[in-house]
């Protein structure tokens, strides 16, 4: 869609319906970086209208000559809000320069904004930051870097704290369109007047609505120190400084980012409705492994009799369809009905991408065994014919026996099952052949 602001046609997209939330991308990027960061989260919170747009000189919005400062950029963003939202209350989320714009909007529309998310935020472009760290690499997958195409290599090497396959797989859709399509002369000119000419902290009062500020401890771009100083302005702010994260913290620490944003969403809903939300959260067993096999072979290991009986259980019953049997027999000497996962069924089958099934507990957890939990396995292809497998196990109840079963599976999935899978795919025999 297009929105006319003076002589500019701003490109924007609206997704979902309900409470509006405005998403503002960073410099040299476009709306797709915010789509990639936020849409997976809002899949579980559909009652929000997400508004993504491209600022001038970025994405599909041209950069006119008269926009040559951040003050004028804010004028455009504010005019866009006026046309698309009018006087409707809304929340705003901003990444980097987008966070800088979000704070500018807050100064202009203080009463109208009911929530603020700032991640990897630009805070004060003209203020020296002696705490800003030098660029460092904490995690590097050499196999990924060996096949990294040249357009992405400088970006990944020069800015990313974590350099692995999961991040590489997100670059083409989330970062590449904006980064390579930006109007560089326009943005370089605007950079000369990058700082606002007014004080962002001059607000009518402190902003006492749900706020979330996330910084990367290793962010060599905007640093972590200046973002932490913002909390004095926001009495309802959650502040998180994430280790193992730089300026791409939503990629490098995706799980933590998603949890923090989910909490922010729930706090806004609680403020609006007056209904407290459950702060206990869902207990989840997580396990993962990288294996030296292509995803096709890893998928076969979990979905065929030959694969299952090579690492998971000595016998099985698999009917590979939604609702079909997914039964593992671990103890063939046990009485019928107590040999393993009798009665378990497949829930989701996306070949070589996603497998989920119901699960029970061993017979020593009698009460828990009568119930059904759920296991989800995701398969991620990595460069070099390798695969990352991520397993989650959910649906846990409360009580001592549930706690014991949770602890049991927290150990057995990672140290037994996935370790056996890795050995099997490396050619080792797990079960003796009779």
Protein backbone atom coordinates (compact mmCIF):
# COMPACT_ATOMS: atom_id res chain seq x y z
CA UNK A 1 0.00 0.00 0.00
CA UNK A 2 1.02 3.61 -0.45
CA UNK A 3 0.48 6.66 1.76
CA UNK A 4 0.97 10.14 0.29
CA UNK A 5 2.96 12.54 2.50
CA UNK A 6 3.57 15.75 0.54
CA UNK A 7 5.42 14.56 -2.57
CA UNK A 8 6.42 11.19 -1.06
CA UNK A 9 4.62 7.90 -1.58
CA UNK A 10 5.45 5.90 1.56
CA UNK A 11 5.24 2.16 1.13
CA UNK A 12 3.57 0.30 4.01
CA UNK A 13 1.92 -2.98 4.93
CA UNK A 14 -0.75 -3.78 7.51
CA UNK A 15 -1.05 -7.24 9.03
CA UNK A 16 -3.78 -8.43 11.35
CA UNK A 17 -6.39 -6.35 13.14
CA UNK A 18 -6.94 -4.99 16.63
CA UNK A 19 -4.68 -2.79 18.73
CA UNK A 20 -2.27 -0.97 16.40
CA UNK A 21 1.48 -1.17 16.75
CA UNK A 22 3.83 0.82 14.52
CA UNK A 23 7.10 -0.86 13.49
CA UNK A 24 10.06 1.38 12.59
CA UNK A 25 13.13 -0.15 10.94
CA UNK A 26 16.77 0.89 11.17
CA UNK A 27 19.08 2.91 8.91
CA UNK A 28 19.99 1.39 5.52
CA UNK A 29 17.27 -1.23 6.07
CA UNK A 30 13.55 -1.49 5.32
CA UNK A 31 10.32 -2.84 6.78
CA UNK A 32 11.32 -6.46 6.16
CA UNK A 33 13.81 -6.46 9.02
CA UNK A 34 10.92 -5.66 11.39
CA UNK A 35 8.65 -8.22 9.75
CA UNK A 36 11.27 -10.90 10.37
CA UNK A 37 11.78 -9.84 13.97
CA UNK A 38 8.15 -9.36 14.99
CA UNK A 39 5.81 -11.56 12.96
CA UNK A 40 6.92 -14.85 14.58
CA UNK A 41 6.02 -13.32 17.95
CA UNK A 42 2.65 -11.94 16.88
CA UNK A 43 1.64 -15.30 15.45
CA UNK A 44 0.67 -16.08 19.06
CA UNK A 45 -0.87 -12.62 19.61
CA UNK A 46 -3.14 -12.10 16.60
CA UNK A 47 -5.28 -9.35 18.15
CA UNK A 48 -2.79 -6.66 17.13
CA UNK A 49 -2.67 -4.68 13.91
CA UNK A 50 0.99 -4.52 12.86
CA UNK A 51 1.92 -1.58 10.65
CA UNK A 52 5.21 -1.84 8.78
CA UNK A 53 6.50 0.95 6.53
CA UNK A 54 9.62 2.10 4.70
CA UNK A 55 11.10 5.44 5.71
CA UNK A 56 12.29 7.79 2.93
CA UNK A 57 15.37 6.62 1.07
CA UNK A 58 14.89 3.04 2.21
CA UNK A 59 12.96 0.09 0.87
CA UNK A 60 10.23 1.10 -1.56
CA UNK A 61 9.96 4.72 -0.39
CA UNK A 62 11.95 7.31 -2.37
CA UNK A 63 14.11 9.87 -0.60
CA UNK A 64 13.21 13.46 -1.60
CA UNK A 65 15.80 16.21 -1.47
CA UNK A 66 13.89 18.23 1.14
CA UNK A 67 14.26 15.46 3.74
CA UNK A 68 17.86 16.11 4.79
CA UNK A 69 17.77 15.82 8.59
CA UNK A 70 16.33 13.58 11.28
CA UNK A 71 13.94 16.39 12.24
CA UNK A 72 12.44 16.26 8.75
CA UNK A 73 12.46 12.46 8.76
CA UNK A 74 10.41 12.63 11.95
CA UNK A 75 8.02 15.07 10.25
CA UNK A 76 7.40 12.45 7.56
CA UNK A 77 6.92 9.64 10.08
CA UNK A 78 4.56 11.79 12.14
CA UNK A 79 2.52 12.72 9.06
CA UNK A 80 2.30 9.02 8.14
CA UNK A 81 0.95 8.25 11.62
CA UNK A 82 -1.61 11.03 11.27
CA UNK A 83 -2.92 9.62 8.00
CA UNK A 84 -2.89 5.93 8.89
CA UNK A 85 -3.81 6.03 12.59
CA UNK A 86 -5.30 9.45 13.22
CA UNK A 87 -5.98 9.80 16.93
CA UNK A 88 -6.13 6.05 17.68
CA UNK A 89 -3.92 4.95 20.60
CA UNK A 90 -1.01 2.84 19.41
CA UNK A 91 2.24 1.22 20.51
CA UNK A 92 5.53 1.74 18.73
CA UNK A 93 8.55 -0.52 18.26
CA UNK A 94 11.85 0.67 16.81
CA UNK A 95 15.19 -0.87 15.87
CA UNK A 96 18.35 1.26 16.01
CA UNK A 97 17.57 4.50 14.13
CA UNK A 98 13.93 3.40 14.23
CA UNK A 99 14.12 3.49 18.03
CA UNK A 100 15.44 7.05 17.77
CA UNK A 101 12.40 7.92 15.62
CA UNK A 102 10.11 6.15 18.10
CA UNK A 103 11.32 8.39 20.91
CA UNK A 104 10.75 11.39 18.66
CA UNK A 105 7.17 10.26 18.11
CA UNK A 106 6.75 9.83 21.85
CA UNK A 107 7.70 13.46 22.38
CA UNK A 108 5.06 14.54 19.84
CA UNK A 109 2.32 12.03 20.67
CA UNK A 110 2.92 11.38 24.36
CA UNK A 111 -0.72 10.75 25.32
CA UNK A 112 -1.51 8.67 22.24
CA UNK A 113 1.29 6.11 22.62
CA UNK A 114 0.53 3.26 25.03
CA UNK A 115 3.72 1.19 24.76
CA UNK A 116 7.33 1.60 23.66
CA UNK A 117 9.87 -0.99 22.47
CA UNK A 118 13.45 0.09 21.75
CA UNK A 119 15.99 -2.52 20.66
CA UNK A 120 19.62 -1.84 19.78
CA UNK A 121 18.56 1.81 20.04
CA UNK A 122 20.38 4.86 18.77
CA UNK A 123 20.22 7.14 21.83
CA UNK A 124 22.35 10.27 21.43
CA UNK A 125 24.34 10.38 18.16
CA UNK A 126 26.50 13.35 19.19
CA UNK A 127 27.39 12.09 22.68
CA UNK A 128 30.72 10.32 23.14
CA UNK A 129 30.39 6.81 24.54
CA UNK A 130 33.56 5.62 26.24
CA UNK A 131 31.84 2.35 27.14
CA UNK A 132 31.09 1.27 23.58
CA UNK A 133 32.91 -2.03 22.94
CA UNK A 134 35.10 -2.89 20.00
CA UNK A 135 33.70 -5.42 17.58
CA UNK A 136 34.23 -9.00 18.71
CA UNK A 137 33.15 -12.40 17.42
CA UNK A 138 31.98 -14.84 20.07
CA UNK A 139 30.57 -17.62 17.88
CA UNK A 140 31.72 -18.41 14.37
CA UNK A 141 30.78 -21.41 12.29
CA UNK A 142 33.74 -21.81 9.94
CA UNK A 143 31.73 -23.97 7.55
CA UNK A 144 29.16 -21.18 7.19
CA UNK A 145 31.79 -18.53 6.61
CA UNK A 146 33.55 -20.69 4.02
CA UNK A 147 30.51 -20.57 1.72
CA UNK A 148 29.35 -17.05 2.58
CA UNK A 149 28.61 -15.12 -0.63
CA UNK A 150 30.53 -11.89 -1.01
CA UNK A 151 27.60 -9.46 -0.61
CA UNK A 152 26.97 -10.75 2.91
CA UNK A 153 30.50 -11.43 4.08
CA UNK A 154 31.52 -7.87 5.09
CA UNK A 155 28.22 -7.35 6.93
CA UNK A 156 28.47 -10.62 8.83
CA UNK A 157 32.17 -10.32 9.61
CA UNK A 158 32.08 -6.66 10.57
CA UNK A 159 28.93 -6.44 12.69
CA UNK A 160 27.70 -9.85 13.83
CA UNK A 161 28.81 -11.20 17.19
CA UNK A 162 27.34 -14.59 16.30
CA UNK A 163 28.12 -15.89 12.82
CA UNK A 164 26.26 -19.12 12.17
CA UNK A 165 23.85 -20.76 9.78
CA UNK A 166 20.63 -19.59 11.40
CA UNK A 167 21.62 -15.96 11.00
CA UNK A 168 22.93 -16.54 7.48
CA UNK A 169 19.58 -18.06 6.48
CA UNK A 170 17.71 -14.92 7.61
CA UNK A 171 19.92 -12.37 5.84
CA UNK A 172 18.53 -12.74 2.29
CA UNK A 173 14.93 -11.97 3.27
CA UNK A 174 15.32 -9.65 6.25
CA UNK A 175 18.46 -7.62 5.60
CA UNK A 176 19.49 -7.89 1.96
CA UNK A 177 16.54 -6.08 0.28
CA UNK A 178 16.89 -2.99 2.45
CA UNK A 179 20.65 -2.95 2.73
CA UNK A 180 21.37 -3.31 -0.99
CA UNK A 181 18.39 -1.23 -2.12
CA UNK A 182 18.96 1.82 0.09
CA UNK A 183 19.44 5.25 -1.50
CA UNK A 184 22.97 5.74 -0.24
CA UNK A 185 23.58 9.32 -1.43
CA UNK A 186 20.32 10.40 0.22
CA UNK A 187 21.15 8.66 3.50
CA UNK A 188 24.74 9.88 3.53
CA UNK A 189 23.49 13.44 3.13
CA UNK A 190 20.95 13.01 5.92
CA UNK A 191 23.69 11.59 8.11
CA UNK A 192 25.22 15.08 8.27
CA UNK A 193 22.16 16.15 10.31
CA UNK A 194 21.52 12.80 12.00
CA UNK A 195 20.85 14.14 15.51
CA UNK A 196 17.57 15.81 16.44
CA UNK A 197 17.76 19.52 17.20
CA UNK A 198 15.61 19.09 20.31
CA UNK A 199 15.92 17.18 23.59
CA UNK A 200 14.14 13.81 23.43
CA UNK A 201 13.91 13.72 27.22
CA UNK A 202 11.77 16.85 27.39
CA UNK A 203 8.49 15.03 27.99
CA UNK A 204 5.37 16.26 29.83
CA UNK A 205 6.22 13.72 32.52
CA UNK A 206 7.94 10.37 32.77
CA UNK A 207 6.39 7.83 30.41
CA UNK A 208 4.62 5.44 32.80
CA UNK A 209 3.42 2.85 30.29
CA UNK A 210 4.92 -0.55 29.42
CA UNK A 211 8.35 -0.08 27.91
CA UNK A 212 11.07 -2.49 26.85
CA UNK A 213 14.69 -1.54 26.17
CA UNK A 214 17.03 -4.22 24.83
CA UNK A 215 20.74 -3.66 24.20
CA UNK A 216 23.49 -5.99 23.04
CA UNK A 217 26.44 -6.15 25.43
CA UNK A 218 28.81 -6.53 22.48
CA UNK A 219 27.08 -3.93 20.25
CA UNK A 220 29.95 -2.02 18.65
CA UNK A 221 27.52 0.17 16.71
CA UNK A 222 25.37 1.95 19.31
CA UNK A 223 26.85 0.36 22.44
CA UNK A 224 25.05 -0.82 25.54
CA UNK A 225 25.79 1.99 28.03
CA UNK A 226 23.70 4.83 26.61
CA UNK A 227 20.60 2.61 26.21
CA UNK A 228 20.81 1.68 29.89
CA UNK A 229 20.62 5.36 30.85
CA UNK A 230 17.14 5.62 29.34
CA UNK A 231 15.42 3.76 32.17
CA UNK A 232 15.16 6.89 34.31
CA UNK A 233 12.65 8.26 31.79
CA UNK A 234 10.45 5.18 31.83
CA UNK A 235 9.28 3.96 35.27
CA UNK A 236 7.61 0.90 33.70
CA UNK A 237 10.61 -0.14 31.64
CA UNK A 238 12.17 -3.57 31.47
CA UNK A 239 15.85 -3.19 30.65
CA UNK A 240 17.83 -6.12 29.23
CA UNK A 241 21.49 -6.10 28.25
CA UNK A 242 22.12 -9.36 26.42
CA UNK A 243 25.44 -11.15 26.36
CA UNK A 244 26.32 -12.88 23.07
CA UNK A 245 24.55 -10.09 21.21
CA UNK A 246 25.55 -7.09 19.16
CA UNK A 247 23.58 -4.75 16.89
CA UNK A 248 21.68 -7.74 15.45
CA UNK A 249 20.54 -8.89 18.89
CA UNK A 250 17.13 -10.03 17.65
CA UNK A 251 18.96 -12.60 15.47
CA UNK A 252 21.84 -13.45 17.77
CA UNK A 253 19.60 -13.97 20.82
CA UNK A 254 16.30 -14.70 19.08
CA UNK A 255 14.85 -16.79 21.90
CA UNK A 256 15.45 -14.19 24.60
CA UNK A 257 14.30 -11.40 22.30
CA UNK A 258 11.02 -13.20 21.60
CA UNK A 259 10.38 -13.83 25.31
CA UNK A 260 11.06 -10.22 26.27
CA UNK A 261 8.80 -8.85 23.53
CA UNK A 262 6.07 -11.31 24.50
CA UNK A 263 6.23 -10.02 28.07
CA UNK A 264 5.98 -6.43 26.77
CA UNK A 265 2.88 -7.33 24.76
CA UNK A 266 1.28 -8.99 27.78
CA UNK A 267 2.04 -5.98 29.98
CA UNK A 268 0.32 -3.69 27.49
CA UNK A 269 -2.73 -5.95 27.36
CA UNK A 270 -2.82 -6.10 31.16
CA UNK A 271 -2.69 -2.30 31.39
CA UNK A 272 -5.57 -1.97 28.92
CA UNK A 273 -7.84 -4.71 30.26
CA UNK A 274 -6.96 -4.75 33.95
CA UNK A 275 -6.72 -8.55 33.79
CA UNK A 276 -3.43 -9.89 35.24
CA UNK A 277 -1.47 -12.20 33.00
CA UNK A 278 0.21 -15.43 34.07
CA UNK A 279 3.81 -14.58 34.86
CA UNK A 280 4.78 -18.18 35.58
CA UNK A 281 5.15 -18.97 31.90
CA UNK A 282 5.22 -22.32 30.16
CA UNK A 283 7.93 -24.75 31.17
CA UNK A 284 9.78 -25.99 28.11
CA UNK A 285 12.46 -28.63 27.72
CA UNK A 286 14.84 -27.58 24.96
CA UNK A 287 17.59 -29.57 23.29
CA UNK A 288 19.56 -29.10 20.09
CA UNK A 289 22.37 -30.64 18.12
CA UNK A 290 24.34 -29.93 14.93
CA UNK A 291 25.11 -33.03 12.89
CA UNK A 292 27.37 -33.69 9.91
CA UNK A 293 24.55 -34.96 7.70
CA UNK A 294 22.19 -33.37 5.19
CA UNK A 295 18.68 -32.66 6.43
CA UNK A 296 17.23 -35.47 4.27
CA UNK A 297 19.10 -38.12 6.27
CA UNK A 298 18.29 -36.53 9.62
CA UNK A 299 14.61 -36.49 8.68
CA UNK A 300 14.76 -40.17 7.75
CA UNK A 301 16.30 -40.97 11.12
CA UNK A 302 13.15 -39.69 12.86
CA UNK A 303 10.49 -40.85 10.40
CA UNK A 304 11.43 -44.35 9.22
CA UNK A 305 11.63 -47.68 11.00
CA UNK A 306 15.21 -48.10 9.83
CA UNK A 307 16.18 -44.72 11.17
CA UNK A 308 14.36 -44.95 14.51
CA UNK A 309 15.71 -48.40 15.35
CA UNK A 310 19.24 -47.20 14.61
CA UNK A 311 19.39 -44.69 17.47
CA UNK A 312 16.11 -44.01 19.32
CA UNK A 313 14.49 -47.34 20.24
CA UNK A 314 15.08 -51.00 19.36
CA UNK A 315 11.54 -51.32 17.98
CA UNK A 316 8.83 -48.94 16.82
CA UNK A 317 5.48 -48.49 15.10
CA UNK A 318 5.27 -45.49 12.77
CA UNK A 319 2.37 -44.50 10.54
CA UNK A 320 3.67 -41.32 8.91
CA UNK A 321 0.50 -39.24 8.64
CA UNK A 322 -1.18 -36.69 10.88
CA UNK A 323 -2.97 -38.74 13.53
CA UNK A 324 -0.87 -41.79 12.73
CA UNK A 325 1.01 -43.84 15.31
CA UNK A 326 4.40 -42.73 16.62
CA UNK A 327 5.22 -45.46 19.11
CA UNK A 328 8.69 -46.25 20.42
CA UNK A 329 9.32 -49.49 22.32
CA UNK A 330 12.28 -49.02 24.65
CA UNK A 331 11.89 -52.05 26.94
CA UNK A 332 10.80 -55.09 24.97
CA UNK A 333 10.77 -57.24 28.13
CA UNK A 334 8.22 -55.03 29.91
CA UNK A 335 4.50 -55.90 30.02
CA UNK A 336 2.42 -54.83 27.04
CA UNK A 337 1.45 -51.18 27.39
CA UNK A 338 4.54 -50.35 29.44
CA UNK A 339 7.24 -50.83 26.82
CA UNK A 340 7.46 -47.21 25.72
CA UNK A 341 5.34 -44.59 23.99
CA UNK A 342 2.34 -46.74 23.21
CA UNK A 343 -0.62 -44.72 21.94
CA UNK A 344 1.39 -41.67 20.89
CA UNK A 345 0.40 -39.93 17.66
CA UNK A 346 1.84 -37.60 15.07
CA UNK A 347 0.52 -34.03 15.20
CA UNK A 348 2.39 -32.15 12.47
CA UNK A 349 4.42 -33.32 9.48
CA UNK A 350 6.27 -30.82 7.29
CA UNK A 351 8.82 -32.97 5.45
CA UNK A 352 12.42 -32.10 6.32
CA UNK A 353 11.25 -29.06 8.30
CA UNK A 354 8.97 -29.92 11.22
CA UNK A 355 7.82 -33.01 13.10
CA UNK A 356 5.64 -32.97 16.21
CA UNK A 357 4.01 -35.74 18.20
CA UNK A 358 2.37 -36.52 21.52
CA UNK A 359 4.52 -38.08 24.21
CA UNK A 360 4.22 -39.84 27.55
CA UNK A 361 6.60 -40.58 30.40
CA UNK A 362 8.31 -43.80 31.53
CA UNK A 363 6.33 -46.08 33.82
CA UNK A 364 8.14 -44.83 36.95
CA UNK A 365 6.19 -41.59 36.51
CA UNK A 366 2.80 -43.23 36.79
CA UNK A 367 0.66 -40.10 37.11
CA UNK A 368 2.49 -38.26 34.34
CA UNK A 369 2.43 -41.32 32.06
CA UNK A 370 -1.36 -41.14 32.02
CA UNK A 371 -1.14 -37.65 30.50
CA UNK A 372 0.07 -36.43 27.12
CA UNK A 373 2.79 -33.87 26.48
CA UNK A 374 4.00 -32.66 23.08
CA UNK A 375 7.39 -32.83 21.37
CA UNK A 376 8.30 -30.61 18.41
CA UNK A 377 11.41 -31.12 16.30
CA UNK A 378 12.60 -28.54 13.77
CA UNK A 379 15.18 -29.29 11.10
CA UNK A 380 17.44 -26.48 9.84
CA UNK A 381 19.78 -27.08 6.89
CA UNK A 382 23.25 -25.63 7.39
CA UNK A 383 25.96 -24.99 4.79
CA UNK A 384 28.21 -27.91 3.99
CA UNK A 385 25.42 -30.52 4.03
CA UNK A 386 24.99 -30.20 7.77
CA UNK A 387 21.82 -29.93 9.85
CA UNK A 388 20.77 -28.27 13.07
CA UNK A 389 18.01 -30.07 14.97
CA UNK A 390 16.07 -28.19 17.66
CA UNK A 391 13.72 -30.12 19.97
CA UNK A 392 11.16 -28.64 22.37
CA UNK A 393 9.00 -30.58 24.81
CA UNK A 394 5.94 -28.79 26.24
CA UNK A 395 2.71 -29.39 28.13
CA UNK A 396 4.03 -29.81 31.68
CA UNK A 397 1.73 -29.87 34.69
CA UNK A 398 2.42 -28.92 38.29
CA UNK A 399 3.49 -31.04 41.25
CA UNK A 400 6.41 -33.13 42.46
CA UNK A 401 6.04 -35.95 39.94
CA UNK A 402 5.72 -33.50 37.07
CA UNK A 403 8.87 -31.78 38.30
CA UNK A 404 10.73 -35.08 38.35
CA UNK A 405 9.57 -35.97 34.83
CA UNK A 406 10.54 -32.51 33.58
CA UNK A 407 14.04 -32.92 35.02
CA UNK A 408 14.28 -36.43 33.54
CA UNK A 409 13.48 -35.31 30.01
CA UNK A 410 15.61 -32.21 30.41
CA UNK A 411 18.56 -34.57 30.65
CA UNK A 412 17.58 -37.51 28.47
CA UNK A 413 16.69 -35.66 25.27
CA UNK A 414 20.03 -33.86 25.11
CA UNK A 415 22.51 -36.29 26.63
CA UNK A 416 20.99 -39.57 25.49
CA UNK A 417 18.69 -39.24 22.47
CA UNK A 418 20.42 -36.46 20.55
CA UNK A 419 23.85 -37.78 21.44
CA UNK A 420 22.83 -41.17 20.04
CA UNK A 421 21.48 -39.48 16.91
CA UNK A 422 24.79 -37.73 16.37
CA UNK A 423 26.73 -40.97 16.79
CA UNK A 424 24.37 -42.88 14.50
CA UNK A 425 24.72 -40.30 11.72
CA UNK A 426 28.49 -40.49 12.16
CA UNK A 427 28.32 -44.23 11.45
CA UNK A 428 28.39 -45.69 14.97
CA UNK A 429 26.12 -48.61 15.93
CA UNK A 430 23.83 -47.85 18.88
CA UNK A 431 21.77 -51.00 19.27
CA UNK A 432 23.24 -54.49 18.98
CA UNK A 433 22.06 -56.40 15.93
CA UNK A 434 20.51 -59.72 16.94
